[in-house]
Amino acid sequence: MKKSFRLRSARLSIALALSLCIAVPGVTLAIEPPVPLMDFSSTIHIDMAVSNSLAMQQRNLANRGRSANTQRSANTQRSGKAQSGGNAYRYTHNAAVAREVSNTMVSAIRQTLQQNQALTPAIEQQLQQLGAADLLGEVRQALRRDGYQPDSIATAMVFWIVVNYGIAEQADLSQLRGHALVQQFESVLGNDAGIASLSVADKQRMADTLYWAGSLQIGLYAQAVSQGDAAQIRQRVGAARDALSAIGVNGRIRNNANALSLG
């Protein structure tokens, strides 16, 4: 049975989209993820991973004309680090760090609403309810159900990319599968010195911020679609395309029967 991120109403969109946006009736949140939501180089690491993955594929393509033994040897020499089984992208989940990230994200939403003079007592109460909800727990459970390891920067990066790709293409997010993308990111992040230098808590902060940012985008897009707001749909689609362009993957994502990969 093919698996996907399964962001449909029976699962994550009920827990996330409705909580994030439809629970704030009559208000369009003027937030453009991932700014200011990613403030510790999350997108820089994604850009690096994308570049390394594409470079690795180019090296492999250049070796295709060689014999099978020569090609295998060249791939081992040129990408041995990436394939040596490192798991620098992994971390151990900590509930306190997850709560810290959730508080930061809710505060960012509150600040944006305040700046737009849209924060009413009723919305403040709803934000407090959102802050008390275990949004990241819902994300982690949904990912596990669909065969992903959630405590991974690689998975979080792919989650964010798949969400942006799905919105940019106005595709059915429930059908998109990111397993091949996760493997590509794991291969280049496994022994990456920058990722390895992060503390366990910082790895989780990065991943949880990506989960939050992607979930917020789902909510904003779901709100626009549910309201039939063509202008907001265009804005969300444009923001998603801009996000993919910012990390250099717009137009570089291959969609093979809803299975996504970089190429």
C-alpha atoms as a PDB file:
ATOM      1  CA  MET A   1       0.000   0.000   0.000  1.00  0.00           C
ATOM      2  CA  LYS A   2       1.430   3.357  -1.037  1.00  0.00           C
ATOM      3  CA  LYS A   3       1.970   5.827   1.744  1.00  0.00           C
ATOM      4  CA  SER A   4       1.843   9.600   1.806  1.00  0.00           C
ATOM      5  CA  PHE A   5       1.844  12.486   4.220  1.00  0.00           C
ATOM      6  CA  ARG A   6      -1.961  12.035   4.214  1.00  0.00           C
ATOM      7  CA  LEU A   7      -2.870  15.624   5.059  1.00  0.00           C
ATOM      8  CA  ARG A   8      -6.596  15.120   4.643  1.00  0.00           C
ATOM      9  CA  SER A   9      -9.529  16.115   6.825  1.00  0.00           C
ATOM     10  CA  ALA A  10      -9.757  12.777   8.579  1.00  0.00           C
ATOM     11  CA  ARG A  11      -6.298  13.332   9.929  1.00  0.00           C
ATOM     12  CA  LEU A  12      -3.964  16.261  10.009  1.00  0.00           C
ATOM     13  CA  SER A  13      -6.031  19.005   8.384  1.00  0.00           C
ATOM     14  CA  ILE A  14      -8.697  18.640  11.099  1.00  0.00           C
ATOM     15  CA  ALA A  15      -6.075  18.845  13.817  1.00  0.00           C
ATOM     16  CA  LEU A  16      -4.033  21.575  12.161  1.00  0.00           C
ATOM     17  CA  ALA A  17      -5.850  23.551   9.493  1.00  0.00           C
ATOM     18  CA  LEU A  18      -9.053  23.967  11.440  1.00  0.00           C
ATOM     19  CA  SER A  19      -7.223  24.790  14.645  1.00  0.00           C
ATOM     20  CA  LEU A  20      -4.898  27.232  12.953  1.00  0.00           C
ATOM     21  CA  CYS A  21      -7.211  29.234  10.765  1.00  0.00           C
ATOM     22  CA  ILE A  22     -10.837  28.261  10.576  1.00  0.00           C
ATOM     23  CA  ALA A  23     -10.941  28.637  14.355  1.00  0.00           C
ATOM     24  CA  VAL A  24     -10.250  32.337  13.768  1.00  0.00           C
ATOM     25  CA  PRO A  25     -13.444  33.273  11.893  1.00  0.00           C
ATOM     26  CA  GLY A  26     -13.434  36.258   9.601  1.00  0.00           C
ATOM     27  CA  VAL A  27      -9.710  36.882   9.943  1.00  0.00           C
ATOM     28  CA  THR A  28      -7.089  36.283   7.293  1.00  0.00           C
ATOM     29  CA  LEU A  29      -3.734  35.819   8.971  1.00  0.00           C
ATOM     30  CA  ALA A  30      -1.256  38.005   7.106  1.00  0.00           C
ATOM     31  CA  ILE A  31       1.693  35.712   7.750  1.00  0.00           C
ATOM     32  CA  GLU A  32       4.055  34.607   5.022  1.00  0.00           C
ATOM     33  CA  PRO A  33       5.886  31.514   6.281  1.00  0.00           C
ATOM     34  CA  PRO A  34       8.730  30.816   6.713  1.00  0.00           C
ATOM     35  CA  VAL A  35       9.466  34.443   7.776  1.00  0.00           C
ATOM     36  CA  PRO A  36       9.639  35.245  10.658  1.00  0.00           C
ATOM     37  CA  LEU A  37       9.068  31.662  11.708  1.00  0.00           C
ATOM     38  CA  MET A  38      12.483  30.241  10.804  1.00  0.00           C
ATOM     39  CA  ASP A  39      15.122  32.179  12.634  1.00  0.00           C
ATOM     40  CA  PHE A  40      17.978  29.690  12.974  1.00  0.00           C
ATOM     41  CA  SER A  41      19.078  28.939   9.435  1.00  0.00           C
ATOM     42  CA  SER A  42      16.555  26.200   8.693  1.00  0.00           C
ATOM     43  CA  THR A  43      16.255  27.221   5.062  1.00  0.00           C
ATOM     44  CA  ILE A  44      20.025  27.594   4.716  1.00  0.00           C
ATOM     45  CA  HIS A  45      20.436  23.943   5.683  1.00  0.00           C
ATOM     46  CA  ILE A  46      17.682  22.954   3.233  1.00  0.00           C
ATOM     47  CA  ASP A  47      19.440  24.886   0.471  1.00  0.00           C
ATOM     48  CA  MET A  48      22.695  23.107   1.294  1.00  0.00           C
ATOM     49  CA  ALA A  49      21.022  19.701   1.296  1.00  0.00           C
ATOM     50  CA  VAL A  50      19.320  20.376  -2.026  1.00  0.00           C
ATOM     51  CA  SER A  51      22.560  21.539  -3.640  1.00  0.00           C
ATOM     52  CA  ASN A  52      24.510  18.526  -2.369  1.00  0.00           C
ATOM     53  CA  SER A  53      21.800  16.106  -3.455  1.00  0.00           C
ATOM     54  CA  LEU A  54      21.685  17.544  -6.972  1.00  0.00           C
ATOM     55  CA  ALA A  55      25.487  17.527  -7.176  1.00  0.00           C
ATOM     56  CA  MET A  56      25.553  13.908  -6.089  1.00  0.00           C
ATOM     57  CA  GLN A  57      23.048  13.006  -8.803  1.00  0.00           C
ATOM     58  CA  GLN A  58      25.112  14.848 -11.427  1.00  0.00           C
ATOM     59  CA  ARG A  59      28.213  12.906 -10.401  1.00  0.00           C
ATOM     60  CA  ASN A  60      26.280   9.648 -10.649  1.00  0.00           C
ATOM     61  CA  LEU A  61      24.961  10.564 -14.090  1.00  0.00           C
ATOM     62  CA  ALA A  62      28.504  11.363 -15.262  1.00  0.00           C
ATOM     63  CA  ASN A  63      29.581   7.871 -14.232  1.00  0.00           C
ATOM     64  CA  ARG A  64      26.831   6.012 -16.067  1.00  0.00           C
ATOM     65  CA  GLY A  65      28.965   5.381 -19.138  1.00  0.00           C
ATOM     66  CA  ARG A  66      31.514   3.426 -17.127  1.00  0.00           C
ATOM     67  CA  SER A  67      31.393  -0.258 -16.376  1.00  0.00           C
ATOM     68  CA  ALA A  68      29.306  -1.406 -13.421  1.00  0.00           C
ATOM     69  CA  ASN A  69      32.386  -2.084 -11.294  1.00  0.00           C
ATOM     70  CA  THR A  70      34.055   1.212 -12.144  1.00  0.00           C
ATOM     71  CA  GLN A  71      30.831   3.116 -11.538  1.00  0.00           C
ATOM     72  CA  ARG A  72      30.319   1.431  -8.179  1.00  0.00           C
ATOM     73  CA  SER A  73      33.870   2.288  -7.150  1.00  0.00           C
ATOM     74  CA  ALA A  74      33.547   5.920  -8.289  1.00  0.00           C
ATOM     75  CA  ASN A  75      30.268   6.387  -6.452  1.00  0.00           C
ATOM     76  CA  THR A  76      31.777   4.968  -3.300  1.00  0.00           C
ATOM     77  CA  GLN A  77      34.773   7.278  -3.517  1.00  0.00           C
ATOM     78  CA  ARG A  78      32.837  10.409  -4.396  1.00  0.00           C
ATOM     79  CA  SER A  79      29.866  10.022  -2.118  1.00  0.00           C
ATOM     80  CA  GLY A  80      31.220   7.623   0.473  1.00  0.00           C
ATOM     81  CA  LYS A  81      30.615  10.028   3.319  1.00  0.00           C
ATOM     82  CA  ALA A  82      27.009  10.505   2.342  1.00  0.00           C
ATOM     83  CA  GLN A  83      26.448   6.748   2.172  1.00  0.00           C
ATOM     84  CA  SER A  84      28.442   5.668   5.215  1.00  0.00           C
ATOM     85  CA  GLY A  85      25.429   5.391   7.470  1.00  0.00           C
ATOM     86  CA  GLY A  86      25.793   8.632   9.391  1.00  0.00           C
ATOM     87  CA  ASN A  87      22.677   9.920  11.084  1.00  0.00           C
ATOM     88  CA  ALA A  88      23.554  13.471  12.074  1.00  0.00           C
ATOM     89  CA  TYR A  89      20.008  14.471  11.094  1.00  0.00           C
ATOM     90  CA  ARG A  90      18.488  12.399  13.907  1.00  0.00           C
ATOM     91  CA  TYR A  91      17.706  13.617  17.414  1.00  0.00           C
ATOM     92  CA  THR A  92      15.905  12.482  20.541  1.00  0.00           C
ATOM     93  CA  HIS A  93      12.544  14.176  20.998  1.00  0.00           C
ATOM     94  CA  ASN A  94      12.155  16.344  24.075  1.00  0.00           C
ATOM     95  CA  ALA A  95       8.688  17.523  25.110  1.00  0.00           C
ATOM     96  CA  ALA A  96      10.052  20.696  26.718  1.00  0.00           C
ATOM     97  CA  VAL A  97      11.749  21.760  23.471  1.00  0.00           C
ATOM     98  CA  ALA A  98       8.554  21.063  21.540  1.00  0.00           C
ATOM     99  CA  ARG A  99       6.614  23.256  23.949  1.00  0.00           C
ATOM    100  CA  GLU A 100       9.213  26.017  23.608  1.00  0.00           C
ATOM    101  CA  VAL A 101       8.884  25.968  19.803  1.00  0.00           C
ATOM    102  CA  SER A 102       5.092  25.931  19.958  1.00  0.00           C
ATOM    103  CA  ASN A 103       5.098  28.920  22.315  1.00  0.00           C
ATOM    104  CA  THR A 104       7.435  30.779  19.958  1.00  0.00           C
ATOM    105  CA  MET A 105       5.208  30.077  16.968  1.00  0.00           C
ATOM    106  CA  VAL A 106       2.004  31.110  18.707  1.00  0.00           C
ATOM    107  CA  SER A 107       3.736  34.289  19.840  1.00  0.00           C
ATOM    108  CA  ALA A 108       4.716  34.993  16.224  1.00  0.00           C
ATOM    109  CA  ILE A 109       1.093  34.603  15.122  1.00  0.00           C
ATOM    110  CA  ARG A 110      -0.070  36.858  17.953  1.00  0.00           C
ATOM    111  CA  GLN A 111       2.500  39.496  17.043  1.00  0.00           C
ATOM    112  CA  THR A 112       1.421  39.451  13.396  1.00  0.00           C
ATOM    113  CA  LEU A 113      -2.228  39.812  14.346  1.00  0.00           C
ATOM    114  CA  GLN A 114      -1.346  42.699  16.645  1.00  0.00           C
ATOM    115  CA  GLN A 115       0.588  44.418  13.874  1.00  0.00           C
ATOM    116  CA  ASN A 116      -2.459  44.079  11.626  1.00  0.00           C
ATOM    117  CA  GLN A 117      -4.791  45.275  14.415  1.00  0.00           C
ATOM    118  CA  ALA A 118      -6.696  42.004  14.147  1.00  0.00           C
ATOM    119  CA  LEU A 119      -6.142  40.567  17.634  1.00  0.00           C
ATOM    120  CA  THR A 120      -9.481  40.509  19.432  1.00  0.00           C
ATOM    121  CA  PRO A 121     -10.202  38.947  22.864  1.00  0.00           C
ATOM    122  CA  ALA A 122     -11.970  36.044  21.138  1.00  0.00           C
ATOM    123  CA  ILE A 123      -9.004  35.385  18.859  1.00  0.00           C
ATOM    124  CA  GLU A 124      -6.604  35.676  21.795  1.00  0.00           C
ATOM    125  CA  GLN A 125      -8.570  32.956  23.565  1.00  0.00           C
ATOM    126  CA  GLN A 126      -8.355  30.773  20.465  1.00  0.00           C
ATOM    127  CA  LEU A 127      -4.620  31.371  20.246  1.00  0.00           C
ATOM    128  CA  GLN A 128      -4.269  30.269  23.847  1.00  0.00           C
ATOM    129  CA  GLN A 129      -6.198  27.106  23.017  1.00  0.00           C
ATOM    130  CA  LEU A 130      -3.937  26.524  20.030  1.00  0.00           C
ATOM    131  CA  GLY A 131      -0.890  27.008  22.226  1.00  0.00           C
ATOM    132  CA  ALA A 132      -2.216  24.443  24.690  1.00  0.00           C
ATOM    133  CA  ALA A 133      -2.906  21.902  21.947  1.00  0.00           C
ATOM    134  CA  ASP A 134      -0.289  19.294  21.057  1.00  0.00           C
ATOM    135  CA  LEU A 135       0.085  20.293  17.401  1.00  0.00           C
ATOM    136  CA  LEU A 136       3.574  18.861  17.065  1.00  0.00           C
ATOM    137  CA  GLY A 137       2.402  15.642  18.655  1.00  0.00           C
ATOM    138  CA  GLU A 138      -0.288  15.352  15.980  1.00  0.00           C
ATOM    139  CA  VAL A 139       2.307  15.901  13.258  1.00  0.00           C
ATOM    140  CA  ARG A 140       4.643  13.266  14.698  1.00  0.00           C
ATOM    141  CA  GLN A 141       1.851  10.704  14.999  1.00  0.00           C
ATOM    142  CA  ALA A 142       0.664  11.317  11.439  1.00  0.00           C
ATOM    143  CA  LEU A 143       4.191  10.942  10.071  1.00  0.00           C
ATOM    144  CA  ARG A 144       4.747   7.707  11.968  1.00  0.00           C
ATOM    145  CA  ARG A 145       1.474   6.283  10.651  1.00  0.00           C
ATOM    146  CA  ASP A 146       2.698   6.931   7.142  1.00  0.00           C
ATOM    147  CA  GLY A 147       6.078   5.310   7.583  1.00  0.00           C
ATOM    148  CA  TYR A 148       8.279   8.317   8.354  1.00  0.00           C
ATOM    149  CA  GLN A 149      10.718   8.844  11.236  1.00  0.00           C
ATOM    150  CA  PRO A 150       9.566  12.201  12.678  1.00  0.00           C
ATOM    151  CA  ASP A 151      12.572  12.840  14.921  1.00  0.00           C
ATOM    152  CA  SER A 152      14.691  13.765  11.941  1.00  0.00           C
ATOM    153  CA  ILE A 153      15.765  17.031  10.341  1.00  0.00           C
ATOM    154  CA  ALA A 154      15.649  15.259   6.972  1.00  0.00           C
ATOM    155  CA  THR A 155      11.997  14.313   7.452  1.00  0.00           C
ATOM    156  CA  ALA A 156      11.133  17.815   8.650  1.00  0.00           C
ATOM    157  CA  MET A 157      12.803  19.422   5.637  1.00  0.00           C
ATOM    158  CA  VAL A 158      10.899  17.124   3.291  1.00  0.00           C
ATOM    159  CA  PHE A 159       7.630  17.790   5.118  1.00  0.00           C
ATOM    160  CA  TRP A 160       8.109  21.521   4.527  1.00  0.00           C
ATOM    161  CA  ILE A 161       9.088  21.002   0.881  1.00  0.00           C
ATOM    162  CA  VAL A 162       6.175  18.643   0.162  1.00  0.00           C
ATOM    163  CA  VAL A 163       3.696  21.088   1.705  1.00  0.00           C
ATOM    164  CA  ASN A 164       5.064  23.964  -0.384  1.00  0.00           C
ATOM    165  CA  TYR A 165       5.155  21.838  -3.533  1.00  0.00           C
ATOM    166  CA  GLY A 166       1.595  20.635  -2.992  1.00  0.00           C
ATOM    167  CA  ILE A 167       0.296  24.174  -2.487  1.00  0.00           C
ATOM    168  CA  ALA A 168       2.353  25.593  -5.363  1.00  0.00           C
ATOM    169  CA  GLU A 169       0.982  22.945  -7.723  1.00  0.00           C
ATOM    170  CA  GLN A 170      -2.468  22.961  -6.073  1.00  0.00           C
ATOM    171  CA  ALA A 171      -2.065  19.209  -5.791  1.00  0.00           C
ATOM    172  CA  ASP A 172      -3.801  16.783  -3.457  1.00  0.00           C
ATOM    173  CA  LEU A 173      -1.456  16.727  -0.466  1.00  0.00           C
ATOM    174  CA  SER A 174      -2.958  13.454   0.683  1.00  0.00           C
ATOM    175  CA  GLN A 175      -1.525  11.734  -2.396  1.00  0.00           C
ATOM    176  CA  LEU A 176       2.018  13.124  -2.393  1.00  0.00           C
ATOM    177  CA  ARG A 177       4.743  10.801  -1.119  1.00  0.00           C
ATOM    178  CA  GLY A 178       8.076  12.088   0.130  1.00  0.00           C
ATOM    179  CA  HIS A 179       9.902   8.893   1.066  1.00  0.00           C
ATOM    180  CA  ALA A 180      12.410   9.140  -1.805  1.00  0.00           C
ATOM    181  CA  LEU A 181      13.071  12.772  -0.919  1.00  0.00           C
ATOM    182  CA  VAL A 182      13.741  11.798   2.692  1.00  0.00           C
ATOM    183  CA  GLN A 183      16.293   9.230   1.523  1.00  0.00           C
ATOM    184  CA  GLN A 184      17.999  11.834  -0.659  1.00  0.00           C
ATOM    185  CA  PHE A 185      18.219  14.289   2.218  1.00  0.00           C
ATOM    186  CA  GLU A 186      19.432  11.627   4.636  1.00  0.00           C
ATOM    187  CA  SER A 187      22.233  10.708   2.218  1.00  0.00           C
ATOM    188  CA  VAL A 188      23.627  14.250   2.213  1.00  0.00           C
ATOM    189  CA  LEU A 189      22.885  15.179   5.822  1.00  0.00           C
ATOM    190  CA  GLY A 190      24.048  11.973   7.483  1.00  0.00           C
ATOM    191  CA  ASN A 191      27.626  13.125   7.958  1.00  0.00           C
ATOM    192  CA  ASP A 192      27.209  16.847   7.397  1.00  0.00           C
ATOM    193  CA  ALA A 193      29.505  18.749   9.741  1.00  0.00           C
ATOM    194  CA  GLY A 194      27.111  21.682  10.154  1.00  0.00           C
ATOM    195  CA  ILE A 195      24.206  19.472  11.164  1.00  0.00           C
ATOM    196  CA  ALA A 196      26.430  17.298  13.353  1.00  0.00           C
ATOM    197  CA  SER A 197      27.661  20.386  15.211  1.00  0.00           C
ATOM    198  CA  LEU A 198      24.153  21.284  16.354  1.00  0.00           C
ATOM    199  CA  SER A 199      23.043  20.286  19.815  1.00  0.00           C
ATOM    200  CA  VAL A 200      20.250  17.742  20.106  1.00  0.00           C
ATOM    201  CA  ALA A 201      17.923  20.516  21.266  1.00  0.00           C
ATOM    202  CA  ASP A 202      18.830  22.749  18.309  1.00  0.00           C
ATOM    203  CA  LYS A 203      18.199  19.901  15.878  1.00  0.00           C
ATOM    204  CA  GLN A 204      14.734  19.495  17.343  1.00  0.00           C
ATOM    205  CA  ARG A 205      14.111  23.252  17.298  1.00  0.00           C
ATOM    206  CA  MET A 206      14.936  23.315  13.610  1.00  0.00           C
ATOM    207  CA  ALA A 207      12.734  20.306  12.816  1.00  0.00           C
ATOM    208  CA  ASP A 208       9.806  21.417  14.955  1.00  0.00           C
ATOM    209  CA  THR A 209       9.917  24.895  13.412  1.00  0.00           C
ATOM    210  CA  LEU A 210       9.713  23.330   9.952  1.00  0.00           C
ATOM    211  CA  TYR A 211       6.787  21.162  11.074  1.00  0.00           C
ATOM    212  CA  TRP A 212       5.033  24.207  12.469  1.00  0.00           C
ATOM    213  CA  ALA A 213       5.709  26.372   9.407  1.00  0.00           C
ATOM    214  CA  GLY A 214       4.446  23.681   7.042  1.00  0.00           C
ATOM    215  CA  SER A 215       1.376  23.072   9.187  1.00  0.00           C
ATOM    216  CA  LEU A 216       0.617  26.785   9.292  1.00  0.00           C
ATOM    217  CA  GLN A 217       0.836  26.936   5.505  1.00  0.00           C
ATOM    218  CA  ILE A 218      -1.606  24.028   5.262  1.00  0.00           C
ATOM    219  CA  GLY A 219      -3.984  25.909   7.532  1.00  0.00           C
ATOM    220  CA  LEU A 220      -3.744  29.172   5.622  1.00  0.00           C
ATOM    221  CA  TYR A 221      -4.252  27.416   2.303  1.00  0.00           C
ATOM    222  CA  ALA A 222      -7.123  25.301   3.646  1.00  0.00           C
ATOM    223  CA  GLN A 223      -8.805  28.442   4.941  1.00  0.00           C
ATOM    224  CA  ALA A 224      -8.571  30.136   1.546  1.00  0.00           C
ATOM    225  CA  VAL A 225      -9.925  27.056  -0.244  1.00  0.00           C
ATOM    226  CA  SER A 226     -12.765  26.521   2.239  1.00  0.00           C
ATOM    227  CA  GLN A 227     -13.834  30.151   1.838  1.00  0.00           C
ATOM    228  CA  GLY A 228     -13.489  30.061  -1.938  1.00  0.00           C
ATOM    229  CA  ASP A 229     -11.211  33.090  -1.708  1.00  0.00           C
ATOM    230  CA  ALA A 230      -9.492  33.165  -5.121  1.00  0.00           C
ATOM    231  CA  ALA A 231      -7.226  36.079  -4.181  1.00  0.00           C
ATOM    232  CA  GLN A 232      -5.987  34.345  -1.041  1.00  0.00           C
ATOM    233  CA  ILE A 233      -5.480  31.075  -2.916  1.00  0.00           C
ATOM    234  CA  ARG A 234      -3.305  32.891  -5.443  1.00  0.00           C
ATOM    235  CA  GLN A 235      -1.389  34.521  -2.602  1.00  0.00           C
ATOM    236  CA  ARG A 236      -0.760  31.170  -0.891  1.00  0.00           C
ATOM    237  CA  VAL A 237       0.250  29.511  -4.143  1.00  0.00           C
ATOM    238  CA  GLY A 238       2.620  32.393  -4.910  1.00  0.00           C
ATOM    239  CA  ALA A 239       4.131  32.276  -1.422  1.00  0.00           C
ATOM    240  CA  ALA A 240       4.735  28.524  -1.754  1.00  0.00           C
ATOM    241  CA  ARG A 241       6.428  28.978  -5.124  1.00  0.00           C
ATOM    242  CA  ASP A 242       8.576  31.754  -3.698  1.00  0.00           C
ATOM    243  CA  ALA A 243       9.583  29.494  -0.799  1.00  0.00           C
ATOM    244  CA  LEU A 244      10.643  26.724  -3.185  1.00  0.00           C
ATOM    245  CA  SER A 245      12.519  29.215  -5.367  1.00  0.00           C
ATOM    246  CA  ALA A 246      14.348  30.579  -2.313  1.00  0.00           C
ATOM    247  CA  ILE A 247      15.937  27.168  -1.688  1.00  0.00           C
ATOM    248  CA  GLY A 248      16.511  26.438  -5.371  1.00  0.00           C
ATOM    249  CA  VAL A 249      14.062  23.594  -5.915  1.00  0.00           C
ATOM    250  CA  ASN A 250      11.256  25.272  -7.840  1.00  0.00           C
ATOM    251  CA  GLY A 251      11.100  23.321 -11.099  1.00  0.00           C
ATOM    252  CA  ARG A 252      13.581  20.704  -9.855  1.00  0.00           C
ATOM    253  CA  ILE A 253      11.136  18.422  -8.073  1.00  0.00           C
ATOM    254  CA  ARG A 254      10.211  15.317 -10.022  1.00  0.00           C
ATOM    255  CA  ASN A 255       6.708  13.946  -9.571  1.00  0.00           C
ATOM    256  CA  ASN A 256       6.503  10.305 -10.606  1.00  0.00           C
ATOM    257  CA  ALA A 257       2.952   9.177  -9.896  1.00  0.00           C
ATOM    258  CA  ASN A 258       2.880  11.409  -6.776  1.00  0.00           C
ATOM    259  CA  ALA A 259       6.255  10.107  -5.548  1.00  0.00           C
ATOM    260  CA  LEU A 260       8.503  13.165  -5.235  1.00  0.00           C
ATOM    261  CA  SER A 261      12.257  13.346  -5.693  1.00  0.00           C
ATOM    262  CA  LEU A 262      14.919  15.878  -6.648  1.00  0.00           C
ATOM    263  CA  GLY A 263      16.324  15.699 -10.126  1.00  0.00           C
END
